[in-house]
Amino acid sequence: MSLPRASLLLAFCASLAACATTGEPPSRTPASSIPANGGSAVAIGKSTKADVISAYGKTVEIDFDSGYAVWVYRLGTAEFVLLFDPAGVLKKTRTR
């Protein structure tokens, strides 16, 4: 294998390895912390990110370029998903 080809292969492998890192593992919350239908601790259109952290603790956060953010609380196969608008106000929840 020629040196330029080997260098290209090495660069590709390094890039692929960088994409494979996962960072911190998803948080695991107590079963009682995953509410059905959003629970009474959060209110759509009123609760902020700080309110949700206070009620359920920190979790996995996915930020989008649009300013919206999705937070996911997991316990086994159950998930409590929250959508925040760019101002940090809760817009929608889903339990699955």
PDB file of N, CA and C in Angstrom:
ATOM      1  N   MET A   1       0.848  -1.163   0.000  1.00  0.00           N
ATOM      2  CA  MET A   1       0.000   0.000   0.000  1.00  0.00           C
ATOM      3  C   MET A   1       0.899   1.232   0.000  1.00  0.00           C
ATOM      4  N   SER A   2       0.587   2.211  -0.836  1.00  0.00           N
ATOM      5  CA  SER A   2       1.410   3.407  -0.923  1.00  0.00           C
ATOM      6  C   SER A   2       1.190   4.302   0.287  1.00  0.00           C
ATOM      7  N   LEU A   3       2.147   5.174   0.554  1.00  0.00           N
ATOM      8  CA  LEU A   3       2.078   6.067   1.714  1.00  0.00           C
ATOM      9  C   LEU A   3       0.867   6.998   1.661  1.00  0.00           C
ATOM     10  N   PRO A   4       0.538   7.661   0.540  1.00  0.00           N
ATOM     11  CA  PRO A   4      -0.651   8.521   0.504  1.00  0.00           C
ATOM     12  C   PRO A   4      -1.944   7.738   0.753  1.00  0.00           C
ATOM     13  N   ARG A   5      -2.001   6.526   0.209  1.00  0.00           N
ATOM     14  CA  ARG A   5      -3.197   5.709   0.401  1.00  0.00           C
ATOM     15  C   ARG A   5      -3.328   5.277   1.858  1.00  0.00           C
ATOM     16  N   ALA A   6      -2.211   4.917   2.477  1.00  0.00           N
ATOM     17  CA  ALA A   6      -2.215   4.527   3.888  1.00  0.00           C
ATOM     18  C   ALA A   6      -2.595   5.711   4.771  1.00  0.00           C
ATOM     19  N   SER A   7      -2.106   6.887   4.433  1.00  0.00           N
ATOM     20  CA  SER A   7      -2.445   8.091   5.207  1.00  0.00           C
ATOM     21  C   SER A   7      -3.933   8.390   5.106  1.00  0.00           C
ATOM     22  N   LEU A   8      -4.487   8.242   3.907  1.00  0.00           N
ATOM     23  CA  LEU A   8      -5.907   8.472   3.699  1.00  0.00           C
ATOM     24  C   LEU A   8      -6.734   7.463   4.501  1.00  0.00           C
ATOM     25  N   LEU A   9      -6.325   6.209   4.493  1.00  0.00           N
ATOM     26  CA  LEU A   9      -7.013   5.170   5.250  1.00  0.00           C
ATOM     27  C   LEU A   9      -6.948   5.446   6.754  1.00  0.00           C
ATOM     28  N   LEU A  10      -5.791   5.868   7.235  1.00  0.00           N
ATOM     29  CA  LEU A  10      -5.629   6.194   8.651  1.00  0.00           C
ATOM     30  C   LEU A  10      -6.519   7.376   9.044  1.00  0.00           C
ATOM     31  N   ALA A  11      -6.567   8.403   8.197  1.00  0.00           N
ATOM     32  CA  ALA A  11      -7.413   9.570   8.474  1.00  0.00           C
ATOM     33  C   ALA A  11      -8.887   9.167   8.502  1.00  0.00           C
ATOM     34  N   PHE A  12      -9.296   8.305   7.589  1.00  0.00           N
ATOM     35  CA  PHE A  12     -10.674   7.841   7.559  1.00  0.00           C
ATOM     36  C   PHE A  12     -11.016   7.066   8.829  1.00  0.00           C
ATOM     37  N   CYS A  13     -10.130   6.163   9.237  1.00  0.00           N
ATOM     38  CA  CYS A  13     -10.364   5.369  10.457  1.00  0.00           C
ATOM     39  C   CYS A  13     -10.434   6.255  11.698  1.00  0.00           C
ATOM     40  N   ALA A  14      -9.586   7.269  11.767  1.00  0.00           N
ATOM     41  CA  ALA A  14      -9.605   8.185  12.904  1.00  0.00           C
ATOM     42  C   ALA A  14     -10.911   8.966  12.938  1.00  0.00           C
ATOM     43  N   SER A  15     -11.381   9.402  11.771  1.00  0.00           N
ATOM     44  CA  SER A  15     -12.652  10.126  11.702  1.00  0.00           C
ATOM     45  C   SER A  15     -13.811   9.242  12.126  1.00  0.00           C
ATOM     46  N   LEU A  16     -13.797   8.016  11.662  1.00  0.00           N
ATOM     47  CA  LEU A  16     -14.852   7.080  12.014  1.00  0.00           C
ATOM     48  C   LEU A  16     -14.850   6.782  13.509  1.00  0.00           C
ATOM     49  N   ALA A  17     -13.687   6.632  14.088  1.00  0.00           N
ATOM     50  CA  ALA A  17     -13.583   6.371  15.528  1.00  0.00           C
ATOM     51  C   ALA A  17     -14.104   7.550  16.332  1.00  0.00           C
ATOM     52  N   ALA A  18     -13.848   8.764  15.866  1.00  0.00           N
ATOM     53  CA  ALA A  18     -14.325   9.959  16.569  1.00  0.00           C
ATOM     54  C   ALA A  18     -15.845  10.010  16.573  1.00  0.00           C
ATOM     55  N   CYS A  19     -16.475   9.555  15.501  1.00  0.00           N
ATOM     56  CA  CYS A  19     -17.928   9.543  15.424  1.00  0.00           C
ATOM     57  C   CYS A  19     -18.543   8.467  16.317  1.00  0.00           C
ATOM     58  N   ALA A  20     -17.797   7.464  16.642  1.00  0.00           N
ATOM     59  CA  ALA A  20     -18.320   6.343  17.405  1.00  0.00           C
ATOM     60  C   ALA A  20     -18.331   6.582  18.904  1.00  0.00           C
ATOM     61  N   THR A  21     -17.673   7.617  19.396  1.00  0.00           N
ATOM     62  CA  THR A  21     -17.675   7.856  20.837  1.00  0.00           C
ATOM     63  C   THR A  21     -19.053   8.325  21.258  1.00  0.00           C
ATOM     64  N   THR A  22     -19.496   7.890  22.415  1.00  0.00           N
ATOM     65  CA  THR A  22     -20.854   8.177  22.852  1.00  0.00           C
ATOM     66  C   THR A  22     -20.943   9.239  23.933  1.00  0.00           C
ATOM     67  N   GLY A  23     -19.849   9.643  24.522  1.00  0.00           N
ATOM     68  CA  GLY A  23     -19.928  10.613  25.607  1.00  0.00           C
ATOM     69  C   GLY A  23     -20.479   9.966  26.854  1.00  0.00           C
ATOM     70  N   GLU A  24     -21.253  10.736  27.623  1.00  0.00           N
ATOM     71  CA  GLU A  24     -21.816  10.203  28.858  1.00  0.00           C
ATOM     72  C   GLU A  24     -22.984   9.275  28.551  1.00  0.00           C
ATOM     73  N   PRO A  25     -23.136   8.217  29.337  1.00  0.00           N
ATOM     74  CA  PRO A  25     -24.272   7.323  29.118  1.00  0.00           C
ATOM     75  C   PRO A  25     -25.565   8.018  29.543  1.00  0.00           C
ATOM     76  N   PRO A  26     -26.701   7.611  28.996  1.00  0.00           N
ATOM     77  CA  PRO A  26     -27.973   8.205  29.393  1.00  0.00           C
ATOM     78  C   PRO A  26     -28.217   8.012  30.881  1.00  0.00           C
ATOM     79  N   SER A  27     -28.881   8.969  31.469  1.00  0.00           N
ATOM     80  CA  SER A  27     -29.154   8.844  32.901  1.00  0.00           C
ATOM     81  C   SER A  27     -30.218   7.786  33.127  1.00  0.00           C
ATOM     82  N   ARG A  28     -30.167   7.193  34.262  1.00  0.00           N
ATOM     83  CA  ARG A  28     -31.192   6.240  34.667  1.00  0.00           C
ATOM     84  C   ARG A  28     -31.926   6.872  35.839  1.00  0.00           C
ATOM     85  N   THR A  29     -33.217   7.043  35.682  1.00  0.00           N
ATOM     86  CA  THR A  29     -33.991   7.681  36.728  1.00  0.00           C
ATOM     87  C   THR A  29     -34.835   6.629  37.443  1.00  0.00           C
ATOM     88  N   PRO A  30     -35.181   6.889  38.696  1.00  0.00           N
ATOM     89  CA  PRO A  30     -36.030   5.937  39.408  1.00  0.00           C
ATOM     90  C   PRO A  30     -37.364   5.762  38.686  1.00  0.00           C
ATOM     91  N   ALA A  31     -37.966   4.587  38.811  1.00  0.00           N
ATOM     92  CA  ALA A  31     -39.234   4.302  38.126  1.00  0.00           C
ATOM     93  C   ALA A  31     -40.293   5.336  38.476  1.00  0.00           C
ATOM     94  N   SER A  32     -40.312   5.796  39.707  1.00  0.00           N
ATOM     95  CA  SER A  32     -41.309   6.772  40.122  1.00  0.00           C
ATOM     96  C   SER A  32     -41.071   8.137  39.485  1.00  0.00           C
ATOM     97  N   SER A  33     -39.872   8.341  38.889  1.00  0.00           N
ATOM     98  CA  SER A  33     -39.562   9.631  38.283  1.00  0.00           C
ATOM     99  C   SER A  33     -40.043   9.745  36.849  1.00  0.00           C
ATOM    100  N   ILE A  34     -40.471   8.647  36.237  1.00  0.00           N
ATOM    101  CA  ILE A  34     -40.984   8.718  34.878  1.00  0.00           C
ATOM    102  C   ILE A  34     -42.504   8.740  34.987  1.00  0.00           C
ATOM    103  N   PRO A  35     -43.093   9.934  34.863  1.00  0.00           N
ATOM    104  CA  PRO A  35     -44.526  10.061  35.079  1.00  0.00           C
ATOM    105  C   PRO A  35     -45.332   9.668  33.848  1.00  0.00           C
ATOM    106  N   ALA A  36     -46.545   9.243  34.069  1.00  0.00           N
ATOM    107  CA  ALA A  36     -47.466   9.004  32.963  1.00  0.00           C
ATOM    108  C   ALA A  36     -48.063  10.352  32.567  1.00  0.00           C
ATOM    109  N   ASN A  37     -48.107  10.638  31.285  1.00  0.00           N
ATOM    110  CA  ASN A  37     -48.693  11.869  30.750  1.00  0.00           C
ATOM    111  C   ASN A  37     -48.076  13.138  31.325  1.00  0.00           C
ATOM    112  N   GLY A  38     -46.790  13.134  31.626  1.00  0.00           N
ATOM    113  CA  GLY A  38     -46.115  14.348  32.056  1.00  0.00           C
ATOM    114  C   GLY A  38     -46.145  14.613  33.545  1.00  0.00           C
ATOM    115  N   GLY A  39     -47.045  13.967  34.254  1.00  0.00           N
ATOM    116  CA  GLY A  39     -47.098  14.160  35.694  1.00  0.00           C
ATOM    117  C   GLY A  39     -47.532  15.569  36.068  1.00  0.00           C
ATOM    118  N   SER A  40     -47.665  15.828  37.343  1.00  0.00           N
ATOM    119  CA  SER A  40     -48.103  17.140  37.807  1.00  0.00           C
ATOM    120  C   SER A  40     -46.926  18.057  38.113  1.00  0.00           C
ATOM    121  N   ALA A  41     -45.698  17.526  38.036  1.00  0.00           N
ATOM    122  CA  ALA A  41     -44.518  18.329  38.368  1.00  0.00           C
ATOM    123  C   ALA A  41     -44.146  19.291  37.253  1.00  0.00           C
ATOM    124  N   VAL A  42     -44.633  19.048  36.039  1.00  0.00           N
ATOM    125  CA  VAL A  42     -44.323  19.930  34.909  1.00  0.00           C
ATOM    126  C   VAL A  42     -45.609  20.342  34.220  1.00  0.00           C
ATOM    127  N   ALA A  43     -45.615  21.553  33.662  1.00  0.00           N
ATOM    128  CA  ALA A  43     -46.789  22.063  32.966  1.00  0.00           C
ATOM    129  C   ALA A  43     -46.376  22.603  31.603  1.00  0.00           C
ATOM    130  N   ILE A  44     -47.000  22.094  30.567  1.00  0.00           N
ATOM    131  CA  ILE A  44     -46.703  22.544  29.211  1.00  0.00           C
ATOM    132  C   ILE A  44     -47.049  24.020  29.087  1.00  0.00           C
ATOM    133  N   GLY A  45     -46.113  24.775  28.529  1.00  0.00           N
ATOM    134  CA  GLY A  45     -46.300  26.209  28.345  1.00  0.00           C
ATOM    135  C   GLY A  45     -45.890  27.041  29.550  1.00  0.00           C
ATOM    136  N   LYS A  46     -45.588  26.396  30.677  1.00  0.00           N
ATOM    137  CA  LYS A  46     -45.216  27.126  31.889  1.00  0.00           C
ATOM    138  C   LYS A  46     -43.868  26.698  32.465  1.00  0.00           C
ATOM    139  N   SER A  47     -43.631  25.389  32.521  1.00  0.00           N
ATOM    140  CA  SER A  47     -42.403  24.882  33.141  1.00  0.00           C
ATOM    141  C   SER A  47     -41.176  25.224  32.306  1.00  0.00           C
ATOM    142  N   THR A  48     -40.091  25.546  32.990  1.00  0.00           N
ATOM    143  CA  THR A  48     -38.819  25.854  32.335  1.00  0.00           C
ATOM    144  C   THR A  48     -37.862  24.685  32.534  1.00  0.00           C
ATOM    145  N   LYS A  49     -36.708  24.779  31.893  1.00  0.00           N
ATOM    146  CA  LYS A  49     -35.691  23.742  32.062  1.00  0.00           C
ATOM    147  C   LYS A  49     -35.301  23.611  33.530  1.00  0.00           C
ATOM    148  N   ALA A  50     -35.194  24.741  34.229  1.00  0.00           N
ATOM    149  CA  ALA A  50     -34.838  24.722  35.651  1.00  0.00           C
ATOM    150  C   ALA A  50     -35.903  23.996  36.474  1.00  0.00           C
ATOM    151  N   ASP A  51     -37.176  24.185  36.121  1.00  0.00           N
ATOM    152  CA  ASP A  51     -38.265  23.505  36.824  1.00  0.00           C
ATOM    153  C   ASP A  51     -38.161  21.987  36.647  1.00  0.00           C
ATOM    154  N   VAL A  52     -37.846  21.560  35.425  1.00  0.00           N
ATOM    155  CA  VAL A  52     -37.760  20.130  35.137  1.00  0.00           C
ATOM    156  C   VAL A  52     -36.553  19.512  35.838  1.00  0.00           C
ATOM    157  N   ILE A  53     -35.426  20.213  35.835  1.00  0.00           N
ATOM    158  CA  ILE A  53     -34.251  19.708  36.559  1.00  0.00           C
ATOM    159  C   ILE A  53     -34.566  19.569  38.039  1.00  0.00           C
ATOM    160  N   SER A  54     -35.277  20.537  38.590  1.00  0.00           N
ATOM    161  CA  SER A  54     -35.656  20.490  39.999  1.00  0.00           C
ATOM    162  C   SER A  54     -36.559  19.288  40.291  1.00  0.00           C
ATOM    163  N   ALA A  55     -37.466  18.978  39.359  1.00  0.00           N
ATOM    164  CA  ALA A  55     -38.412  17.884  39.576  1.00  0.00           C
ATOM    165  C   ALA A  55     -37.815  16.510  39.302  1.00  0.00           C
ATOM    166  N   TYR A  56     -36.995  16.385  38.228  1.00  0.00           N
ATOM    167  CA  TYR A  56     -36.540  15.067  37.783  1.00  0.00           C
ATOM    168  C   TYR A  56     -35.023  14.890  37.743  1.00  0.00           C
ATOM    169  N   GLY A  57     -34.262  15.957  37.894  1.00  0.00           N
ATOM    170  CA  GLY A  57     -32.810  15.861  37.823  1.00  0.00           C
ATOM    171  C   GLY A  57     -32.301  16.034  36.407  1.00  0.00           C
ATOM    172  N   LYS A  58     -30.973  15.991  36.245  1.00  0.00           N
ATOM    173  CA  LYS A  58     -30.360  16.161  34.927  1.00  0.00           C
ATOM    174  C   LYS A  58     -30.508  14.886  34.114  1.00  0.00           C
ATOM    175  N   THR A  59     -30.447  15.029  32.789  1.00  0.00           N
ATOM    176  CA  THR A  59     -30.598  13.890  31.902  1.00  0.00           C
ATOM    177  C   THR A  59     -29.915  14.151  30.569  1.00  0.00           C
ATOM    178  N   VAL A  60     -30.198  13.324  29.594  1.00  0.00           N
ATOM    179  CA  VAL A  60     -29.664  13.484  28.248  1.00  0.00           C
ATOM    180  C   VAL A  60     -30.354  14.678  27.594  1.00  0.00           C
ATOM    181  N   GLU A  61     -29.563  15.565  27.007  1.00  0.00           N
ATOM    182  CA  GLU A  61     -30.116  16.745  26.335  1.00  0.00           C
ATOM    183  C   GLU A  61     -29.618  16.777  24.897  1.00  0.00           C
ATOM    184  N   ILE A  62     -30.550  16.987  23.974  1.00  0.00           N
ATOM    185  CA  ILE A  62     -30.215  17.104  22.558  1.00  0.00           C
ATOM    186  C   ILE A  62     -30.625  18.508  22.120  1.00  0.00           C
ATOM    187  N   ASP A  63     -29.635  19.328  21.733  1.00  0.00           N
ATOM    188  CA  ASP A  63     -29.894  20.696  21.298  1.00  0.00           C
ATOM    189  C   ASP A  63     -29.904  20.763  19.777  1.00  0.00           C
ATOM    190  N   PHE A  64     -30.846  21.517  19.227  1.00  0.00           N
ATOM    191  CA  PHE A  64     -30.954  21.695  17.783  1.00  0.00           C
ATOM    192  C   PHE A  64     -30.542  23.105  17.396  1.00  0.00           C
ATOM    193  N   ASP A  65     -30.102  23.281  16.157  1.00  0.00           N
ATOM    194  CA  ASP A  65     -29.681  24.594  15.670  1.00  0.00           C
ATOM    195  C   ASP A  65     -30.801  25.617  15.759  1.00  0.00           C
ATOM    196  N   SER A  66     -32.047  25.176  15.699  1.00  0.00           N
ATOM    197  CA  SER A  66     -33.200  26.076  15.757  1.00  0.00           C
ATOM    198  C   SER A  66     -33.395  26.673  17.141  1.00  0.00           C
ATOM    199  N   GLY A  67     -32.686  26.134  18.149  1.00  0.00           N
ATOM    200  CA  GLY A  67     -32.841  26.605  19.524  1.00  0.00           C
ATOM    201  C   GLY A  67     -33.692  25.676  20.368  1.00  0.00           C
ATOM    202  N   TYR A  68     -34.440  24.783  19.711  1.00  0.00           N
ATOM    203  CA  TYR A  68     -35.243  23.816  20.451  1.00  0.00           C
ATOM    204  C   TYR A  68     -34.324  22.775  21.084  1.00  0.00           C
ATOM    205  N   ALA A  69     -34.822  22.125  22.136  1.00  0.00           N
ATOM    206  CA  ALA A  69     -34.050  21.087  22.818  1.00  0.00           C
ATOM    207  C   ALA A  69     -34.984  19.955  23.215  1.00  0.00           C
ATOM    208  N   VAL A  70     -34.455  18.751  23.185  1.00  0.00           N
ATOM    209  CA  VAL A  70     -35.198  17.569  23.624  1.00  0.00           C
ATOM    210  C   VAL A  70     -34.430  16.954  24.780  1.00  0.00           C
ATOM    211  N   TRP A  71     -35.146  16.652  25.848  1.00  0.00           N
ATOM    212  CA  TRP A  71     -34.560  15.949  26.989  1.00  0.00           C
ATOM    213  C   TRP A  71     -35.223  14.591  27.075  1.00  0.00           C
ATOM    214  N   VAL A  72     -34.426  13.562  27.406  1.00  0.00           N
ATOM    215  CA  VAL A  72     -34.945  12.202  27.482  1.00  0.00           C
ATOM    216  C   VAL A  72     -34.555  11.591  28.825  1.00  0.00           C
ATOM    217  N   TYR A  73     -35.558  11.177  29.571  1.00  0.00           N
ATOM    218  CA  TYR A  73     -35.352  10.423  30.809  1.00  0.00           C
ATOM    219  C   TYR A  73     -35.681   8.981  30.488  1.00  0.00           C
ATOM    220  N   ARG A  74     -34.807   8.037  30.871  1.00  0.00           N
ATOM    221  CA  ARG A  74     -34.990   6.624  30.526  1.00  0.00           C
ATOM    222  C   ARG A  74     -34.950   5.734  31.766  1.00  0.00           C
ATOM    223  N   LEU A  75     -35.774   4.696  31.710  1.00  0.00           N
ATOM    224  CA  LEU A  75     -35.726   3.624  32.698  1.00  0.00           C
ATOM    225  C   LEU A  75     -36.049   2.344  31.953  1.00  0.00           C
ATOM    226  N   GLY A  76     -35.049   1.529  31.724  1.00  0.00           N
ATOM    227  CA  GLY A  76     -35.252   0.323  30.925  1.00  0.00           C
ATOM    228  C   GLY A  76     -35.717   0.700  29.536  1.00  0.00           C
ATOM    229  N   THR A  77     -36.910   0.254  29.167  1.00  0.00           N
ATOM    230  CA  THR A  77     -37.447   0.588  27.850  1.00  0.00           C
ATOM    231  C   THR A  77     -38.394   1.777  27.894  1.00  0.00           C
ATOM    232  N   ALA A  78     -38.731   2.260  29.086  1.00  0.00           N
ATOM    233  CA  ALA A  78     -39.619   3.417  29.209  1.00  0.00           C
ATOM    234  C   ALA A  78     -38.835   4.713  29.009  1.00  0.00           C
ATOM    235  N   GLU A  79     -39.447   5.664  28.317  1.00  0.00           N
ATOM    236  CA  GLU A  79     -38.824   6.964  28.091  1.00  0.00           C
ATOM    237  C   GLU A  79     -39.831   8.081  28.353  1.00  0.00           C
ATOM    238  N   PHE A  80     -39.369   9.136  28.974  1.00  0.00           N
ATOM    239  CA  PHE A  80     -40.135  10.361  29.165  1.00  0.00           C
ATOM    240  C   PHE A  80     -39.392  11.429  28.379  1.00  0.00           C
ATOM    241  N   VAL A  81     -40.009  11.918  27.292  1.00  0.00           N
ATOM    242  CA  VAL A  81     -39.368  12.837  26.358  1.00  0.00           C
ATOM    243  C   VAL A  81     -40.011  14.211  26.498  1.00  0.00           C
ATOM    244  N   LEU A  82     -39.174  15.252  26.601  1.00  0.00           N
ATOM    245  CA  LEU A  82     -39.664  16.621  26.751  1.00  0.00           C
ATOM    246  C   LEU A  82     -39.080  17.496  25.657  1.00  0.00           C
ATOM    247  N   LEU A  83     -39.907  18.355  25.051  1.00  0.00           N
ATOM    248  CA  LEU A  83     -39.470  19.302  24.033  1.00  0.00           C
ATOM    249  C   LEU A  83     -39.541  20.708  24.607  1.00  0.00           C
ATOM    250  N   PHE A  84     -38.421  21.440  24.528  1.00  0.00           N
ATOM    251  CA  PHE A  84     -38.355  22.823  25.003  1.00  0.00           C
ATOM    252  C   PHE A  84     -38.197  23.761  23.816  1.00  0.00           C
ATOM    253  N   ASP A  85     -38.854  24.921  23.881  1.00  0.00           N
ATOM    254  CA  ASP A  85     -38.700  25.927  22.830  1.00  0.00           C
ATOM    255  C   ASP A  85     -37.392  26.697  23.036  1.00  0.00           C
ATOM    256  N   PRO A  86     -37.033  27.583  22.107  1.00  0.00           N
ATOM    257  CA  PRO A  86     -35.767  28.318  22.244  1.00  0.00           C
ATOM    258  C   PRO A  86     -35.657  29.152  23.516  1.00  0.00           C
ATOM    259  N   ALA A  87     -36.790  29.535  24.103  1.00  0.00           N
ATOM    260  CA  ALA A  87     -36.774  30.310  25.349  1.00  0.00           C
ATOM    261  C   ALA A  87     -36.606  29.413  26.575  1.00  0.00           C
ATOM    262  N   GLY A  88     -36.598  28.089  26.383  1.00  0.00           N
ATOM    263  CA  GLY A  88     -36.423  27.165  27.501  1.00  0.00           C
ATOM    264  C   GLY A  88     -37.713  26.786  28.192  1.00  0.00           C
ATOM    265  N   VAL A  89     -38.855  27.014  27.532  1.00  0.00           N
ATOM    266  CA  VAL A  89     -40.164  26.691  28.102  1.00  0.00           C
ATOM    267  C   VAL A  89     -40.642  25.369  27.506  1.00  0.00           C
ATOM    268  N   LEU A  90     -41.210  24.510  28.347  1.00  0.00           N
ATOM    269  CA  LEU A  90     -41.690  23.203  27.924  1.00  0.00           C
ATOM    270  C   LEU A  90     -42.840  23.348  26.936  1.00  0.00           C
ATOM    271  N   LYS A  91     -42.704  22.709  25.766  1.00  0.00           N
ATOM    272  CA  LYS A  91     -43.729  22.779  24.729  1.00  0.00           C
ATOM    273  C   LYS A  91     -44.539  21.503  24.612  1.00  0.00           C
ATOM    274  N   LYS A  92     -43.888  20.342  24.871  1.00  0.00           N
ATOM    275  CA  LYS A  92     -44.566  19.070  24.644  1.00  0.00           C
ATOM    276  C   LYS A  92     -43.882  17.970  25.452  1.00  0.00           C
ATOM    277  N   THR A  93     -44.645  16.981  25.879  1.00  0.00           N
ATOM    278  CA  THR A  93     -44.077  15.808  26.549  1.00  0.00           C
ATOM    279  C   THR A  93     -44.641  14.558  25.908  1.00  0.00           C
ATOM    280  N   ARG A  94     -43.902  13.478  26.090  1.00  0.00           N
ATOM    281  CA  ARG A  94     -44.362  12.187  25.572  1.00  0.00           C
ATOM    282  C   ARG A  94     -43.756  11.081  26.410  1.00  0.00           C
ATOM    283  N   THR A  95     -44.570  10.123  26.783  1.00  0.00           N
ATOM    284  CA  THR A  95     -44.096   8.941  27.486  1.00  0.00           C
ATOM    285  C   THR A  95     -44.257   7.764  26.544  1.00  0.00           C
ATOM    286  N   ARG A  96     -43.162   7.012  26.379  1.00  0.00           N
ATOM    287  CA  ARG A  96     -43.261   5.838  25.503  1.00  0.00           C
ATOM    288  C   ARG A  96     -42.473   4.700  26.074  1.00  0.00           C
TER     289      ARG A  96
END
